[in-house]
N, C-alpha and C. Protein backbone atom coordinates (compact mmCIF):
# COMPACT_ATOMS: atom_id res chain seq x y z
N MET A 1 0.60 -1.85 -0.08
CA MET A 1 0.15 -0.05 0.08
C MET A 1 0.94 1.22 0.14
N ALA A 2 0.59 2.48 -0.82
CA ALA A 2 1.27 3.34 -0.78
C ALA A 2 0.88 4.53 0.04
N ALA A 3 1.82 4.81 0.38
CA ALA A 3 1.32 6.45 1.49
C ALA A 3 1.00 7.71 0.62
N VAL A 4 -0.17 8.10 1.23
CA VAL A 4 -0.33 9.03 0.23
C VAL A 4 -0.04 10.84 0.68
N GLU A 5 0.32 11.52 0.30
CA GLU A 5 1.03 12.91 0.44
C GLU A 5 0.18 13.72 1.03
N THR A 6 -0.15 14.15 2.31
CA THR A 6 -1.23 15.04 2.27
C THR A 6 -0.41 16.61 2.55
N THR A 7 0.26 16.97 1.83
CA THR A 7 0.44 18.44 2.03
C THR A 7 0.01 19.56 1.34
N GLU A 8 -0.79 20.36 2.06
CA GLU A 8 -1.75 21.63 1.69
C GLU A 8 -0.71 22.49 0.99
N LYS A 9 -1.29 23.27 0.03
CA LYS A 9 -0.85 23.67 -0.84
C LYS A 9 -0.85 25.44 -0.25
N GLN A 10 0.18 26.24 -0.16
CA GLN A 10 0.02 27.62 0.12
C GLN A 10 -0.43 28.05 -0.79
N THR A 11 -1.50 29.22 -0.60
CA THR A 11 -2.18 29.72 -1.48
C THR A 11 -2.25 31.43 -0.67
N VAL A 12 -2.82 32.31 -1.86
CA VAL A 12 -3.10 33.53 -1.30
C VAL A 12 -4.29 33.84 -2.06
N GLN A 13 -5.00 34.80 -1.39
CA GLN A 13 -6.12 34.96 -2.02
C GLN A 13 -6.54 36.54 -2.01
N ALA A 14 -7.76 37.21 -2.84
CA ALA A 14 -8.15 38.29 -2.46
C ALA A 14 -9.59 38.35 -2.69
N VAL A 15 -10.46 39.34 -2.34
CA VAL A 15 -12.00 39.02 -2.50
C VAL A 15 -12.17 40.75 -2.71
N ALA A 16 -13.25 40.48 -3.57
CA ALA A 16 -14.00 41.83 -3.62
C ALA A 16 -15.57 41.81 -3.51
N LYS A 17 -15.83 42.39 -2.43
CA LYS A 17 -17.27 41.88 -1.88
C LYS A 17 -18.38 43.14 -2.18
N PHE A 18 -19.42 43.30 -2.77
CA PHE A 18 -20.20 43.91 -3.35
C PHE A 18 -20.27 44.45 -4.54
N VAL A 19 -19.60 43.72 -5.26
CA VAL A 19 -19.84 44.25 -6.56
C VAL A 19 -20.86 44.34 -7.49
N ARG A 20 -21.43 45.21 -8.00
CA ARG A 20 -22.38 45.60 -8.77
C ARG A 20 -22.32 44.70 -9.91
N VAL A 21 -21.83 43.19 -10.04
CA VAL A 21 -22.27 42.89 -11.35
C VAL A 21 -23.53 41.73 -11.07
N SER A 22 -23.68 40.85 -11.70
CA SER A 22 -24.76 39.94 -12.01
C SER A 22 -23.97 38.54 -11.65
N PRO A 23 -24.18 37.47 -10.49
CA PRO A 23 -22.89 36.56 -10.47
C PRO A 23 -23.09 35.86 -11.77
N ARG A 24 -23.97 36.01 -12.27
CA ARG A 24 -24.20 34.70 -13.55
C ARG A 24 -22.78 35.12 -14.61
N LYS A 25 -23.31 36.74 -14.84
CA LYS A 25 -22.18 37.52 -15.75
C LYS A 25 -20.89 37.30 -15.22
N ALA A 26 -20.59 37.17 -14.03
CA ALA A 26 -18.99 37.52 -13.28
C ALA A 26 -18.54 35.99 -13.58
N ARG A 27 -19.22 35.12 -13.28
CA ARG A 27 -18.90 33.38 -13.61
C ARG A 27 -18.50 33.09 -14.76
N LEU A 28 -19.66 33.53 -15.99
CA LEU A 28 -19.16 33.42 -17.15
C LEU A 28 -17.48 33.95 -17.79
N VAL A 29 -16.94 34.96 -16.98
CA VAL A 29 -15.44 35.41 -17.09
C VAL A 29 -14.61 34.68 -16.35
N ALA A 30 -15.08 34.46 -14.94
CA ALA A 30 -14.29 33.61 -14.31
C ALA A 30 -13.86 32.59 -14.57
N ASP A 31 -14.88 31.77 -15.35
CA ASP A 31 -14.44 30.59 -16.06
C ASP A 31 -12.96 30.61 -16.79
N HIS A 32 -13.21 31.43 -17.40
CA HIS A 32 -11.87 31.85 -18.72
C HIS A 32 -10.10 31.45 -17.84
N ILE A 33 -10.58 32.31 -16.73
CA ILE A 33 -8.94 32.09 -15.91
C ILE A 33 -8.57 31.03 -15.26
N ARG A 34 -9.60 30.32 -14.88
CA ARG A 34 -9.61 29.46 -13.79
C ARG A 34 -8.41 28.13 -14.07
N GLY A 35 -7.57 28.34 -13.57
CA GLY A 35 -6.01 27.23 -13.64
C GLY A 35 -4.95 27.84 -14.46
N ARG A 36 -5.22 29.10 -15.39
CA ARG A 36 -4.14 29.75 -16.08
C ARG A 36 -2.92 30.45 -15.20
N SER A 37 -2.24 30.50 -15.84
CA SER A 37 -1.09 31.07 -15.48
C SER A 37 -1.48 32.68 -15.04
N VAL A 38 -0.62 33.64 -14.18
CA VAL A 38 -0.94 34.95 -14.09
C VAL A 38 -0.77 36.10 -15.28
N PRO A 39 0.38 35.91 -16.18
CA PRO A 39 0.79 36.45 -17.46
C PRO A 39 -0.79 36.13 -18.20
N GLU A 40 -0.92 34.93 -18.48
CA GLU A 40 -1.69 34.52 -19.35
C GLU A 40 -3.47 34.65 -18.88
N ALA A 41 -3.81 34.55 -17.66
CA ALA A 41 -4.90 35.44 -17.43
C ALA A 41 -5.28 37.14 -17.53
N ARG A 42 -3.92 37.37 -17.07
CA ARG A 42 -4.38 38.77 -17.00
C ARG A 42 -4.66 39.55 -18.67
N THR A 43 -3.73 38.24 -19.91
CA THR A 43 -4.08 38.67 -20.95
C THR A 43 -5.52 38.28 -21.19
N ILE A 44 -5.94 37.40 -21.31
CA ILE A 44 -7.45 36.98 -21.56
C ILE A 44 -8.36 38.10 -21.42
N LEU A 45 -8.23 38.32 -19.70
CA LEU A 45 -8.97 39.61 -19.17
C LEU A 45 -9.01 41.01 -20.12
N ALA A 46 -7.89 40.89 -20.36
CA ALA A 46 -7.66 42.32 -21.12
C ALA A 46 -8.36 42.42 -22.64
N PHE A 47 -8.35 41.15 -23.32
CA PHE A 47 -9.23 41.18 -24.45
C PHE A 47 -10.38 40.61 -24.22
N THR A 48 -11.19 40.16 -23.21
CA THR A 48 -12.26 39.73 -23.18
C THR A 48 -13.45 40.94 -22.91
N GLU A 49 -14.32 41.46 -23.65
CA GLU A 49 -15.58 42.36 -24.00
C GLU A 49 -16.38 42.67 -22.72
N ARG A 50 -16.96 41.57 -21.92
CA ARG A 50 -17.38 41.48 -20.97
C ARG A 50 -17.16 42.78 -19.94
N ALA A 51 -18.20 43.05 -19.45
CA ALA A 51 -17.82 44.34 -18.07
C ALA A 51 -17.21 43.74 -17.52
N ALA A 52 -17.71 42.72 -16.87
CA ALA A 52 -17.24 41.84 -15.67
C ALA A 52 -15.82 41.44 -15.21
N ALA A 53 -14.94 41.41 -16.89
CA ALA A 53 -13.97 41.36 -16.85
C ALA A 53 -13.07 42.28 -16.35
N VAL A 54 -13.61 43.74 -15.86
CA VAL A 54 -12.67 45.04 -15.52
C VAL A 54 -12.51 44.57 -13.98
N ASP A 55 -13.41 43.80 -13.56
CA ASP A 55 -13.99 43.63 -11.71
C ASP A 55 -13.21 42.43 -11.36
N VAL A 56 -12.93 41.13 -12.29
CA VAL A 56 -12.00 40.13 -11.82
C VAL A 56 -10.75 40.33 -12.24
N GLU A 57 -10.52 41.42 -13.08
CA GLU A 57 -9.03 42.00 -13.33
C GLU A 57 -8.72 42.75 -12.08
N LYS A 58 -8.93 43.34 -11.63
CA LYS A 58 -8.83 43.80 -10.34
C LYS A 58 -8.71 43.19 -8.95
N VAL A 59 -9.10 41.92 -9.02
CA VAL A 59 -9.57 41.11 -7.74
C VAL A 59 -8.06 40.14 -8.35
N LEU A 60 -7.56 40.19 -9.68
CA LEU A 60 -6.64 39.13 -9.78
C LEU A 60 -4.94 40.26 -9.43
N ARG A 61 -5.63 41.47 -9.91
CA ARG A 61 -4.42 42.20 -9.53
C ARG A 61 -3.98 42.50 -7.78
N SER A 62 -4.93 42.41 -7.53
CA SER A 62 -5.06 42.67 -5.98
C SER A 62 -4.50 41.15 -4.95
N ALA A 63 -4.56 39.96 -5.91
CA ALA A 63 -4.33 39.00 -5.38
C ALA A 63 -2.73 38.63 -5.43
N VAL A 64 -2.43 39.32 -6.65
CA VAL A 64 -0.83 39.07 -6.71
C VAL A 64 -0.01 40.24 -6.53
N ALA A 65 -0.84 41.29 -5.95
CA ALA A 65 -0.28 42.01 -4.54
C ALA A 65 0.07 41.41 -3.51
N ASN A 66 -0.78 40.92 -2.87
CA ASN A 66 -1.18 40.29 -2.01
C ASN A 66 0.20 39.54 -1.80
N ALA A 67 0.20 38.46 -2.92
CA ALA A 67 1.64 37.38 -2.71
C ALA A 67 2.56 38.04 -2.71
N GLU A 68 2.78 39.19 -3.52
CA GLU A 68 4.45 39.81 -3.68
C GLU A 68 4.55 40.32 -1.99
N SER A 69 3.74 41.21 -1.69
CA SER A 69 3.99 41.82 -0.45
C SER A 69 3.71 41.21 0.72
N ASN A 70 3.37 40.02 0.92
CA ASN A 70 3.70 39.05 2.05
C ASN A 70 5.20 38.73 2.52
N PRO A 71 5.63 38.63 3.27
CA PRO A 71 7.32 38.71 3.38
C PRO A 71 7.05 37.15 4.18
N ALA A 72 6.25 36.61 4.08
CA ALA A 72 6.95 35.39 4.53
C ALA A 72 7.22 34.35 3.20
N LEU A 73 6.34 34.81 1.78
CA LEU A 73 6.33 33.84 1.02
C LEU A 73 7.34 34.72 -0.05
N HIS A 74 7.36 35.79 -0.49
CA HIS A 74 8.34 36.61 -1.42
C HIS A 74 8.23 36.02 -2.67
N TRP A 75 6.97 35.72 -3.08
CA TRP A 75 6.76 35.30 -4.60
C TRP A 75 6.81 36.34 -5.45
N ASN A 76 7.15 35.72 -6.90
CA ASN A 76 6.95 36.61 -7.61
C ASN A 76 6.00 36.34 -8.51
N GLY A 77 5.08 38.07 -9.02
CA GLY A 77 3.68 37.70 -9.63
C GLY A 77 3.42 36.94 -10.98
N ASP A 78 4.61 36.74 -11.78
CA ASP A 78 4.56 36.32 -13.04
C ASP A 78 5.06 34.31 -12.76
N ASP A 79 5.04 33.76 -11.52
CA ASP A 79 5.32 32.68 -11.39
C ASP A 79 3.99 32.04 -10.87
N LEU A 80 2.92 32.55 -10.37
CA LEU A 80 2.07 32.28 -9.83
C LEU A 80 0.82 31.56 -11.13
N VAL A 81 -0.20 30.78 -10.30
CA VAL A 81 -0.94 29.82 -11.30
C VAL A 81 -2.27 30.63 -10.26
N VAL A 82 -3.61 30.65 -11.06
CA VAL A 82 -4.70 30.55 -10.64
C VAL A 82 -5.04 29.75 -10.13
N HIS A 83 -5.37 29.32 -8.89
CA HIS A 83 -5.97 28.16 -8.32
C HIS A 83 -7.27 27.57 -8.27
N SER A 84 -7.84 28.71 -7.74
CA SER A 84 -9.53 28.76 -7.96
C SER A 84 -10.11 30.29 -8.08
N VAL A 85 -10.95 30.11 -8.80
CA VAL A 85 -12.21 31.54 -8.93
C VAL A 85 -13.18 31.30 -8.47
N PHE A 86 -14.21 31.75 -7.78
CA PHE A 86 -15.09 31.96 -7.65
C PHE A 86 -16.01 32.94 -7.25
N VAL A 87 -17.03 32.72 -7.45
CA VAL A 87 -18.07 34.10 -7.47
C VAL A 87 -19.64 33.96 -6.81
N ASP A 88 -19.38 34.44 -5.57
CA ASP A 88 -20.84 33.80 -5.00
C ASP A 88 -21.59 35.06 -4.97
N GLU A 89 -23.11 35.13 -4.53
CA GLU A 89 -24.12 36.09 -4.83
C GLU A 89 -23.86 36.63 -3.37
N GLY A 90 -24.05 37.47 -3.63
CA GLY A 90 -24.09 39.06 -2.47
C GLY A 90 -26.00 39.37 -2.39
N PRO A 91 -25.94 40.53 -1.97
CA PRO A 91 -27.10 40.78 -1.78
C PRO A 91 -27.88 41.59 -2.30
N THR A 92 -29.11 41.31 -2.55
CA THR A 92 -29.68 41.96 -3.91
C THR A 92 -30.56 43.22 -3.66
N LEU A 93 -30.18 43.65 -4.31
CA LEU A 93 -31.25 45.69 -4.21
C LEU A 93 -32.46 45.50 -5.02
N LYS A 94 -33.47 45.68 -3.95
CA LYS A 94 -34.94 45.72 -4.67
C LYS A 94 -35.15 46.39 -5.25
N ARG A 95 -35.78 47.15 -6.41
CA ARG A 95 -35.85 48.45 -6.87
C ARG A 95 -37.43 48.17 -7.67
N TRP A 96 -38.25 49.25 -7.76
CA TRP A 96 -39.22 48.98 -8.48
C TRP A 96 -39.23 49.94 -9.78
N GLN A 97 -40.43 49.70 -10.87
CA GLN A 97 -40.33 50.74 -11.65
C GLN A 97 -41.51 50.91 -12.44
N ALA A 98 -42.40 52.10 -12.22
CA ALA A 98 -43.48 52.32 -12.51
C ALA A 98 -44.05 51.82 -14.16
N ARG A 99 -45.48 50.78 -14.03
CA ARG A 99 -45.50 50.63 -15.56
C ARG A 99 -47.18 51.30 -15.50
N ALA A 100 -47.67 50.79 -16.81
CA ALA A 100 -48.76 51.24 -16.69
C ALA A 100 -50.03 50.48 -16.13
N ARG A 101 -51.00 51.49 -16.05
CA ARG A 101 -51.99 51.44 -15.08
C ARG A 101 -52.11 51.30 -13.46
N GLY A 102 -50.87 52.40 -13.49
CA GLY A 102 -50.98 52.53 -12.01
C GLY A 102 -49.81 51.47 -11.25
N ARG A 103 -49.80 50.06 -12.32
CA ARG A 103 -48.71 49.02 -11.25
C ARG A 103 -47.47 49.17 -11.49
N ALA A 104 -46.57 48.35 -10.71
CA ALA A 104 -45.15 48.25 -10.69
C ALA A 104 -44.32 47.22 -11.22
N SER A 105 -43.08 46.98 -11.44
CA SER A 105 -42.53 45.94 -12.19
C SER A 105 -41.24 46.06 -11.09
N LYS A 106 -40.75 44.54 -10.74
CA LYS A 106 -39.77 44.68 -9.83
C LYS A 106 -38.35 44.63 -10.66
N ILE A 107 -37.58 45.05 -10.03
CA ILE A 107 -36.09 45.18 -10.50
C ILE A 107 -35.21 44.99 -9.39
N PHE A 108 -34.44 43.46 -9.77
CA PHE A 108 -33.39 43.23 -8.99
C PHE A 108 -32.15 43.64 -9.73
N LYS A 109 -31.47 44.14 -8.34
CA LYS A 109 -29.90 44.82 -8.83
C LYS A 109 -29.07 43.72 -8.02
N ARG A 110 -28.51 42.85 -8.92
CA ARG A 110 -27.47 41.80 -7.87
C ARG A 110 -26.33 42.17 -7.76
N THR A 111 -25.57 41.75 -6.73
CA THR A 111 -24.61 41.90 -6.53
C THR A 111 -23.52 40.69 -6.32
N CYS A 112 -22.42 40.50 -6.46
CA CYS A 112 -21.59 39.48 -6.05
C CYS A 112 -20.32 39.61 -5.56
N HIS A 113 -19.67 38.79 -4.48
CA HIS A 113 -18.65 38.55 -3.80
C HIS A 113 -17.71 37.64 -5.08
N THR A 114 -16.70 38.29 -5.25
CA THR A 114 -15.69 37.55 -6.12
C THR A 114 -14.30 37.43 -5.28
N THR A 115 -13.75 35.79 -5.71
CA THR A 115 -12.68 35.53 -4.86
C THR A 115 -11.79 34.70 -6.03
N VAL A 116 -10.57 35.32 -5.80
CA VAL A 116 -9.60 34.68 -6.64
C VAL A 116 -8.49 34.12 -5.83
N VAL A 117 -7.99 32.64 -5.70
CA VAL A 117 -7.13 32.12 -4.78
C VAL A 117 -6.09 31.68 -5.96
N LEU A 118 -4.76 32.03 -5.51
CA LEU A 118 -3.38 32.18 -6.37
C LEU A 118 -2.57 31.24 -5.50
N ALA A 119 -1.36 30.17 -6.39
CA ALA A 119 -0.48 29.59 -5.90
C ALA A 119 0.74 29.03 -6.89
N GLN A 120 1.32 28.86 -6.17
CA GLN A 120 3.06 28.48 -7.31
C GLN A 120 2.83 27.77 -8.41
N ALA A 121 2.98 27.89 -9.39
CA ALA A 121 3.24 27.20 -10.59
C ALA A 121 3.71 25.69 -9.95
N GLU A 122 2.83 24.59 -10.48
CA GLU A 122 3.76 23.28 -10.05
C GLU A 122 5.08 23.37 -11.14
N THR A 123 6.26 22.85 -10.35
CA THR A 123 7.28 22.41 -11.19
C THR A 123 7.67 20.80 -11.48
N GLU A 124 7.93 20.42 -12.37
CA GLU A 124 7.76 19.33 -12.62
C GLU A 124 8.70 18.27 -11.99
N ARG A 125 8.91 17.66 -12.22
CA ARG A 125 9.91 16.59 -11.10
C ARG A 125 10.25 15.37 -11.90
N THR A 126 11.71 15.35 -12.28
CA THR A 126 12.06 14.21 -12.86
C THR A 126 12.99 13.42 -12.04
N GLY A 127 12.44 12.08 -12.40
CA GLY A 127 13.22 10.81 -11.30
C GLY A 127 12.13 9.93 -10.64
N SER A 128 12.79 8.98 -10.47
CA SER A 128 11.86 7.94 -9.52
C SER A 128 11.44 8.06 -8.29
């Protein structure tokens, strides 16, 4: 029977809360960068035309800054990988809009909490 290594990966994260973008729209952007290197993720977000890409890119920049400024780690931002990205639903602002014949319609202004988790890139080990 082989022993299983249970070493936890060191990660750094950044969270943006109460972002005024629908979580569904932000998840479409977040799916593009999951598992990619930081330089590649920045390039993808720069050329993504969705408005949520600006907010996700801000969180990515913040996570890289957290990794570089942490005195215990001293990581280089270009050597990092987007370990995980998730977009959770935040509180919904409920508004109404006047309609015909004295009626009203609901308008839901949704918010989201975006989290980006970075880890160091896996180095290939040669040997048995």
